[in-house]
C-alpha atoms as a PDB file:
ATOM      1  CA  MET A   1      -0.018  -0.056  -0.012  1.00  0.00           C
ATOM      2  CA  HIS A   2       1.187   3.448  -0.713  1.00  0.00           C
ATOM      3  CA  PRO A   3       1.809   5.539   2.396  1.00  0.00           C
ATOM      4  CA  LEU A   4      -0.377   8.204   1.250  1.00  0.00           C
ATOM      5  CA  ILE A   5      -3.582   6.081   1.328  1.00  0.00           C
ATOM      6  CA  PRO A   6      -3.958   6.148   4.948  1.00  0.00           C
ATOM      7  CA  ARG A   7      -4.122  10.076   4.827  1.00  0.00           C
ATOM      8  CA  LEU A   8      -6.446  10.176   1.765  1.00  0.00           C
ATOM      9  CA  ARG A   9      -8.775   7.713   3.658  1.00  0.00           C
ATOM     10  CA  ALA A  10      -8.577  10.049   6.701  1.00  0.00           C
ATOM     11  CA  ALA A  11      -9.377  13.250   4.420  1.00  0.00           C
ATOM     12  CA  ARG A  12     -12.614  11.271   3.268  1.00  0.00           C
ATOM     13  CA  ILE A  13     -13.344  14.078   0.860  1.00  0.00           C
ATOM     14  CA  ILE A  14     -10.822  15.446  -1.807  1.00  0.00           C
ATOM     15  CA  PRO A  15     -11.889  18.720  -3.311  1.00  0.00           C
ATOM     16  CA  VAL A  16     -11.392  18.608  -7.118  1.00  0.00           C
ATOM     17  CA  VAL A  17     -10.272  22.013  -8.112  1.00  0.00           C
ATOM     18  CA  ARG A  18     -11.332  22.867 -11.630  1.00  0.00           C
ATOM     19  CA  THR A  19     -11.773  26.584 -12.457  1.00  0.00           C
ATOM     20  CA  SER A  20     -11.036  28.697 -15.782  1.00  0.00           C
ATOM     21  CA  THR A  21      -8.440  30.755 -13.928  1.00  0.00           C
ATOM     22  CA  ALA A  22      -5.435  30.152 -11.587  1.00  0.00           C
ATOM     23  CA  ALA A  23      -6.537  32.842  -9.476  1.00  0.00           C
ATOM     24  CA  ARG A  24     -10.068  31.400  -8.803  1.00  0.00           C
ATOM     25  CA  ALA A  25      -8.344  28.246  -8.124  1.00  0.00           C
ATOM     26  CA  ALA A  26      -6.262  29.786  -5.650  1.00  0.00           C
ATOM     27  CA  THR A  27      -9.134  31.417  -3.991  1.00  0.00           C
ATOM     28  CA  ALA A  28     -10.948  28.242  -3.720  1.00  0.00           C
ATOM     29  CA  VAL A  29      -8.336  26.450  -1.920  1.00  0.00           C
ATOM     30  CA  ALA A  30      -7.872  29.361   0.265  1.00  0.00           C
ATOM     31  CA  TRP A  31     -11.646  29.373   1.282  1.00  0.00           C
ATOM     32  CA  LEU A  32     -11.787  25.688   1.667  1.00  0.00           C
ATOM     33  CA  GLN A  33      -8.638  25.712   3.886  1.00  0.00           C
ATOM     34  CA  GLU A  34     -10.292  28.107   6.144  1.00  0.00           C
ATOM     35  CA  ALA A  35     -13.146  25.612   6.494  1.00  0.00           C
ATOM     36  CA  GLY A  36     -11.012  22.803   7.207  1.00  0.00           C
ATOM     37  CA  PHE A  37      -9.936  21.044   4.151  1.00  0.00           C
ATOM     38  CA  ARG A  38      -6.075  20.014   4.000  1.00  0.00           C
ATOM     39  CA  VAL A  39      -6.015  17.955   0.868  1.00  0.00           C
ATOM     40  CA  PHE A  40      -6.457  19.316  -2.676  1.00  0.00           C
ATOM     41  CA  GLU A  41      -6.596  18.032  -6.286  1.00  0.00           C
ATOM     42  CA  ILE A  42      -5.679  20.781  -8.843  1.00  0.00           C
ATOM     43  CA  THR A  43      -6.640  19.581 -12.399  1.00  0.00           C
ATOM     44  CA  MET A  44      -4.519  20.369 -15.220  1.00  0.00           C
ATOM     45  CA  THR A  45      -7.449  22.246 -16.944  1.00  0.00           C
ATOM     46  CA  VAL A  46      -6.631  25.151 -14.735  1.00  0.00           C
ATOM     47  CA  PRO A  47      -4.324  27.547 -16.425  1.00  0.00           C
ATOM     48  CA  GLU A  48      -0.753  27.388 -15.307  1.00  0.00           C
ATOM     49  CA  ALA A  49      -1.443  24.534 -12.847  1.00  0.00           C
ATOM     50  CA  PRO A  50       1.792  23.272 -12.054  1.00  0.00           C
ATOM     51  CA  ALA A  51       2.732  26.649 -10.618  1.00  0.00           C
ATOM     52  CA  LEU A  52       0.039  26.904  -8.391  1.00  0.00           C
ATOM     53  CA  ILE A  53       0.579  23.407  -7.307  1.00  0.00           C
ATOM     54  CA  ARG A  54       4.256  24.716  -6.569  1.00  0.00           C
ATOM     55  CA  ALA A  55       2.620  27.648  -4.401  1.00  0.00           C
ATOM     56  CA  LEU A  56       0.301  25.529  -2.497  1.00  0.00           C
ATOM     57  CA  SER A  57       2.876  22.890  -1.603  1.00  0.00           C
ATOM     58  CA  ALA A  58       4.879  25.531  -0.055  1.00  0.00           C
ATOM     59  CA  ASP A  59       2.374  25.301   2.796  1.00  0.00           C
ATOM     60  CA  PRO A  60       3.290  22.083   4.979  1.00  0.00           C
ATOM     61  CA  ASP A  61      -0.146  21.744   6.177  1.00  0.00           C
ATOM     62  CA  LEU A  62      -1.643  20.848   2.676  1.00  0.00           C
ATOM     63  CA  LEU A  63      -1.252  17.725   0.659  1.00  0.00           C
ATOM     64  CA  VAL A  64      -1.690  18.610  -3.000  1.00  0.00           C
ATOM     65  CA  GLY A  65      -2.112  16.453  -6.006  1.00  0.00           C
ATOM     66  CA  ALA A  66      -2.540  16.845  -9.639  1.00  0.00           C
ATOM     67  CA  GLY A  67      -5.491  15.894 -11.581  1.00  0.00           C
ATOM     68  CA  THR A  68      -6.511  15.013 -15.279  1.00  0.00           C
ATOM     69  CA  VAL A  69      -2.891  14.364 -15.753  1.00  0.00           C
ATOM     70  CA  PRO A  70      -2.793  14.084 -19.591  1.00  0.00           C
ATOM     71  CA  ASP A  71       1.062  12.547 -20.098  1.00  0.00           C
ATOM     72  CA  ALA A  72       4.187  11.670 -18.606  1.00  0.00           C
ATOM     73  CA  ARG A  73       5.841  15.138 -19.285  1.00  0.00           C
ATOM     74  CA  THR A  74       3.211  16.822 -17.338  1.00  0.00           C
ATOM     75  CA  ALA A  75       3.218  14.340 -14.327  1.00  0.00           C
ATOM     76  CA  GLU A  76       6.863  15.114 -14.158  1.00  0.00           C
ATOM     77  CA  ALA A  77       6.390  18.859 -14.051  1.00  0.00           C
ATOM     78  CA  CYS A  78       3.789  18.305 -11.328  1.00  0.00           C
ATOM     79  CA  ILE A  79       5.888  16.144  -9.214  1.00  0.00           C
ATOM     80  CA  GLU A  80       8.800  18.456  -9.575  1.00  0.00           C
ATOM     81  CA  ALA A  81       6.477  21.189  -8.507  1.00  0.00           C
ATOM     82  CA  GLY A  82       5.474  19.402  -5.291  1.00  0.00           C
ATOM     83  CA  ALA A  83       2.475  17.318  -6.308  1.00  0.00           C
ATOM     84  CA  ARG A  84       2.130  14.187  -3.902  1.00  0.00           C
ATOM     85  CA  PHE A  85      -0.465  12.350  -5.935  1.00  0.00           C
ATOM     86  CA  LEU A  86      -1.281  12.060  -9.533  1.00  0.00           C
ATOM     87  CA  VAL A  87      -4.870  11.394 -11.012  1.00  0.00           C
ATOM     88  CA  ALA A  88      -5.999  10.468 -14.479  1.00  0.00           C
ATOM     89  CA  PRO A  89      -9.772   9.663 -15.160  1.00  0.00           C
ATOM     90  CA  TRP A  90      -8.467   6.974 -17.559  1.00  0.00           C
ATOM     91  CA  VAL A  91      -5.637   4.216 -17.584  1.00  0.00           C
ATOM     92  CA  ASP A  92      -2.228   5.288 -18.696  1.00  0.00           C
ATOM     93  CA  PRO A  93       0.595   3.165 -17.888  1.00  0.00           C
ATOM     94  CA  ALA A  94       3.216   5.874 -18.695  1.00  0.00           C
ATOM     95  CA  LEU A  95       2.212   7.655 -15.462  1.00  0.00           C
ATOM     96  CA  ALA A  96       3.290   4.820 -13.251  1.00  0.00           C
ATOM     97  CA  PRO A  97       7.166   5.169 -13.621  1.00  0.00           C
ATOM     98  CA  VAL A  98       6.768   8.863 -13.045  1.00  0.00           C
ATOM     99  CA  ALA A  99       4.975   8.508  -9.963  1.00  0.00           C
ATOM    100  CA  GLN A 100       7.034   5.603  -8.481  1.00  0.00           C
ATOM    101  CA  ASP A 101      10.283   7.809  -9.292  1.00  0.00           C
ATOM    102  CA  GLY A 102       8.631  10.640  -7.505  1.00  0.00           C
ATOM    103  CA  GLY A 103       7.300   8.838  -4.825  1.00  0.00           C
ATOM    104  CA  ALA A 104       3.671   9.807  -5.699  1.00  0.00           C
ATOM    105  CA  CYS A 105       0.556   8.018  -5.112  1.00  0.00           C
ATOM    106  CA  LEU A 106      -0.972   7.157  -8.527  1.00  0.00           C
ATOM    107  CA  MET A 107      -4.699   7.195  -9.064  1.00  0.00           C
ATOM    108  CA  LEU A 108      -5.965   5.818 -12.625  1.00  0.00           C
ATOM    109  CA  GLY A 109      -9.665   5.872 -13.772  1.00  0.00           C
ATOM    110  CA  ALA A 110     -12.011   2.968 -14.348  1.00  0.00           C
ATOM    111  CA  MET A 111     -15.544   2.050 -14.160  1.00  0.00           C
ATOM    112  CA  THR A 112     -15.743  -1.524 -15.208  1.00  0.00           C
ATOM    113  CA  PRO A 113     -14.023  -4.731 -13.570  1.00  0.00           C
ATOM    114  CA  SER A 114     -11.931  -4.928 -16.683  1.00  0.00           C
ATOM    115  CA  GLU A 115     -10.765  -1.468 -16.629  1.00  0.00           C
ATOM    116  CA  ILE A 116      -9.859  -1.681 -12.974  1.00  0.00           C
ATOM    117  CA  ARG A 117      -7.689  -4.643 -13.447  1.00  0.00           C
ATOM    118  CA  ALA A 118      -6.181  -2.630 -16.336  1.00  0.00           C
ATOM    119  CA  ALA A 119      -5.586   0.273 -13.996  1.00  0.00           C
ATOM    120  CA  LEU A 120      -3.835  -1.956 -11.379  1.00  0.00           C
ATOM    121  CA  ALA A 121      -1.872  -3.734 -14.112  1.00  0.00           C
ATOM    122  CA  ALA A 122      -0.877  -0.353 -15.237  1.00  0.00           C
ATOM    123  CA  GLY A 123       0.712   0.607 -11.621  1.00  0.00           C
ATOM    124  CA  ALA A 124      -2.183   2.357 -10.057  1.00  0.00           C
ATOM    125  CA  ASP A 125      -2.069   2.588  -6.124  1.00  0.00           C
ATOM    126  CA  MET A 126      -5.740   3.673  -5.911  1.00  0.00           C
ATOM    127  CA  VAL A 127      -8.668   3.529  -8.564  1.00  0.00           C
ATOM    128  CA  LYS A 128     -10.679   6.473  -9.394  1.00  0.00           C
ATOM    129  CA  ILE A 129     -14.244   5.352 -10.425  1.00  0.00           C
ATOM    130  CA  PHE A 130     -15.492   8.004 -12.905  1.00  0.00           C
ATOM    131  CA  PRO A 131     -18.026   9.036 -13.411  1.00  0.00           C
ATOM    132  CA  ALA A 132     -19.242   7.507 -10.395  1.00  0.00           C
ATOM    133  CA  GLY A 133     -22.808   8.935 -10.443  1.00  0.00           C
ATOM    134  CA  SER A 134     -23.945   7.735 -13.874  1.00  0.00           C
ATOM    135  CA  ALA A 135     -22.110   4.516 -13.347  1.00  0.00           C
ATOM    136  CA  GLY A 136     -24.378   3.302 -10.554  1.00  0.00           C
ATOM    137  CA  GLY A 137     -23.448   5.471  -7.733  1.00  0.00           C
ATOM    138  CA  PRO A 138     -22.721   3.945  -4.067  1.00  0.00           C
ATOM    139  CA  GLN A 139     -24.455   0.620  -5.267  1.00  0.00           C
ATOM    140  CA  HIS A 140     -21.686   0.282  -8.127  1.00  0.00           C
ATOM    141  CA  ILE A 141     -19.052   0.743  -5.426  1.00  0.00           C
ATOM    142  CA  ARG A 142     -20.502  -1.761  -3.210  1.00  0.00           C
ATOM    143  CA  ALA A 143     -20.472  -4.345  -6.081  1.00  0.00           C
ATOM    144  CA  LEU A 144     -16.995  -3.654  -7.153  1.00  0.00           C
ATOM    145  CA  ARG A 145     -15.759  -3.998  -3.459  1.00  0.00           C
ATOM    146  CA  ALA A 146     -17.106  -7.452  -3.506  1.00  0.00           C
ATOM    147  CA  VAL A 147     -15.026  -8.470  -6.328  1.00  0.00           C
ATOM    148  CA  PHE A 148     -12.083  -6.093  -5.567  1.00  0.00           C
ATOM    149  CA  PRO A 149     -12.127  -6.004  -1.643  1.00  0.00           C
ATOM    150  CA  ASP A 150      -8.356  -4.944  -1.427  1.00  0.00           C
ATOM    151  CA  VAL A 151      -8.584  -2.008  -3.823  1.00  0.00           C
ATOM    152  CA  ALA A 152      -8.670   1.516  -2.587  1.00  0.00           C
ATOM    153  CA  PHE A 153     -11.452   3.333  -4.637  1.00  0.00           C
ATOM    154  CA  CYS A 154     -12.115   7.153  -5.022  1.00  0.00           C
ATOM    155  CA  PRO A 155     -15.600   7.694  -6.817  1.00  0.00           C
ATOM    156  CA  THR A 156     -15.666  11.043  -8.418  1.00  0.00           C
ATOM    157  CA  GLY A 157     -18.284  12.726 -10.648  1.00  0.00           C
ATOM    158  CA  GLY A 158     -21.746  13.354  -9.193  1.00  0.00           C
ATOM    159  CA  VAL A 159     -20.508  13.263  -5.622  1.00  0.00           C
ATOM    160  CA  ASP A 160     -21.837  15.738  -2.933  1.00  0.00           C
ATOM    161  CA  ALA A 161     -22.260  16.303   0.736  1.00  0.00           C
ATOM    162  CA  ARG A 162     -25.350  13.989   0.907  1.00  0.00           C
ATOM    163  CA  ASN A 163     -24.201  11.021  -1.034  1.00  0.00           C
ATOM    164  CA  ALA A 164     -20.507  10.956  -0.008  1.00  0.00           C
ATOM    165  CA  PRO A 165     -21.353   9.143   3.115  1.00  0.00           C
ATOM    166  CA  ASP A 166     -23.275   6.680   1.269  1.00  0.00           C
ATOM    167  CA  TYR A 167     -20.021   6.069  -0.904  1.00  0.00           C
ATOM    168  CA  LEU A 168     -17.750   5.695   2.092  1.00  0.00           C
ATOM    169  CA  ALA A 169     -20.482   3.235   3.615  1.00  0.00           C
ATOM    170  CA  ALA A 170     -20.271   1.288   0.308  1.00  0.00           C
ATOM    171  CA  GLY A 171     -16.475   0.900   0.777  1.00  0.00           C
ATOM    172  CA  ALA A 172     -14.822   3.821  -1.036  1.00  0.00           C
ATOM    173  CA  ALA A 173     -11.809   4.869   0.480  1.00  0.00           C
ATOM    174  CA  CYS A 174     -12.402   8.492   0.050  1.00  0.00           C
ATOM    175  CA  VAL A 175     -14.456  10.607  -2.549  1.00  0.00           C
ATOM    176  CA  GLY A 176     -13.378  13.214  -5.197  1.00  0.00           C
ATOM    177  CA  MET A 177     -15.812  16.204  -4.852  1.00  0.00           C
ATOM    178  CA  GLY A 178     -15.635  18.976  -7.723  1.00  0.00           C
ATOM    179  CA  GLY A 179     -18.334  21.390  -8.927  1.00  0.00           C
ATOM    180  CA  ARG A 180     -20.715  20.706  -5.836  1.00  0.00           C
ATOM    181  CA  LEU A 181     -18.071  21.925  -3.635  1.00  0.00           C
ATOM    182  CA  VAL A 182     -15.962  24.091  -5.883  1.00  0.00           C
ATOM    183  CA  ASP A 183     -18.488  26.138  -7.556  1.00  0.00           C
ATOM    184  CA  GLU A 184     -17.078  28.528  -9.782  1.00  0.00           C
ATOM    185  CA  ALA A 185     -20.011  30.798  -9.937  1.00  0.00           C
ATOM    186  CA  LEU A 186     -19.815  31.516  -6.303  1.00  0.00           C
ATOM    187  CA  ILE A 187     -16.135  31.993  -6.476  1.00  0.00           C
ATOM    188  CA  ALA A 188     -16.210  34.535  -9.278  1.00  0.00           C
ATOM    189  CA  ALA A 189     -18.988  36.284  -7.550  1.00  0.00           C
ATOM    190  CA  GLY A 190     -16.892  36.464  -4.321  1.00  0.00           C
ATOM    191  CA  ASP A 191     -19.597  34.905  -2.347  1.00  0.00           C
ATOM    192  CA  ARG A 192     -16.941  33.497   0.192  1.00  0.00           C
ATOM    193  CA  ALA A 193     -19.907  32.695   2.940  1.00  0.00           C
ATOM    194  CA  ALA A 194     -21.693  30.317   0.380  1.00  0.00           C
ATOM    195  CA  VAL A 195     -18.464  28.375  -0.281  1.00  0.00           C
ATOM    196  CA  ARG A 196     -17.638  28.170   3.433  1.00  0.00           C
ATOM    197  CA  ARG A 197     -21.016  27.073   4.243  1.00  0.00           C
ATOM    198  CA  ALA A 198     -20.838  24.301   1.520  1.00  0.00           C
ATOM    199  CA  ALA A 199     -17.515  23.184   2.827  1.00  0.00           C
ATOM    200  CA  GLU A 200     -18.642  23.032   6.238  1.00  0.00           C
ATOM    201  CA  ASP A 201     -21.741  21.282   5.658  1.00  0.00           C
ATOM    202  CA  ALA A 202     -19.674  18.674   3.889  1.00  0.00           C
ATOM    203  CA  LEU A 203     -17.112  18.029   6.617  1.00  0.00           C
ATOM    204  CA  GLY A 204     -19.850  18.241   9.201  1.00  0.00           C
ATOM    205  CA  ILE A 205     -21.820  15.297   7.329  1.00  0.00           C
ATOM    206  CA  MET A 206     -18.381  13.327   7.399  1.00  0.00           C
ATOM    207  CA  ARG A 207     -17.903  13.835  10.963  1.00  0.00           C
ATOM    208  CA  ALA A 208     -21.262  12.784  11.887  1.00  0.00           C
END
């Protein structure tokens, strides 16, 4: 087991930060950090994402990873910037050597049992189930866990504060939460209070 997996399990929720500007992504992280989050996935769809990862990784309290990593070269740049975990919503064997060399936890995406086996064969430490909501939700995770009891799953896509506990009860190691938590419209409007409320609600449900 990769040594970061227990920390990701303990976090339960990984905010997936996907915004149209780096400034909005940084704002989202700051507001969510104020609410109590310490683990963040910065997707490569954010402009200048590696630079943002570098800035965030300077804070020793944060565990920062890179999401939607398209290729090995980008993975190398992210690890060099301080990313501790790499996430791709597909199976890409080229990411495994980079992750291993950098000591990063690798999460590859899958939906079916065949894809999960392919992800594990490609070197995944964890398997991202995406899109989880349209794949069958918590029941899909429960069914997969029956076949793969030792695999750490992280469902993402359609996960919100209300159904996140159901995913965890079904056997997910943690969940990725994107637009339901990192609402760019609220960030653009400067509605810090609304973002904080959503974050605190999510954390409160997890603690309960």
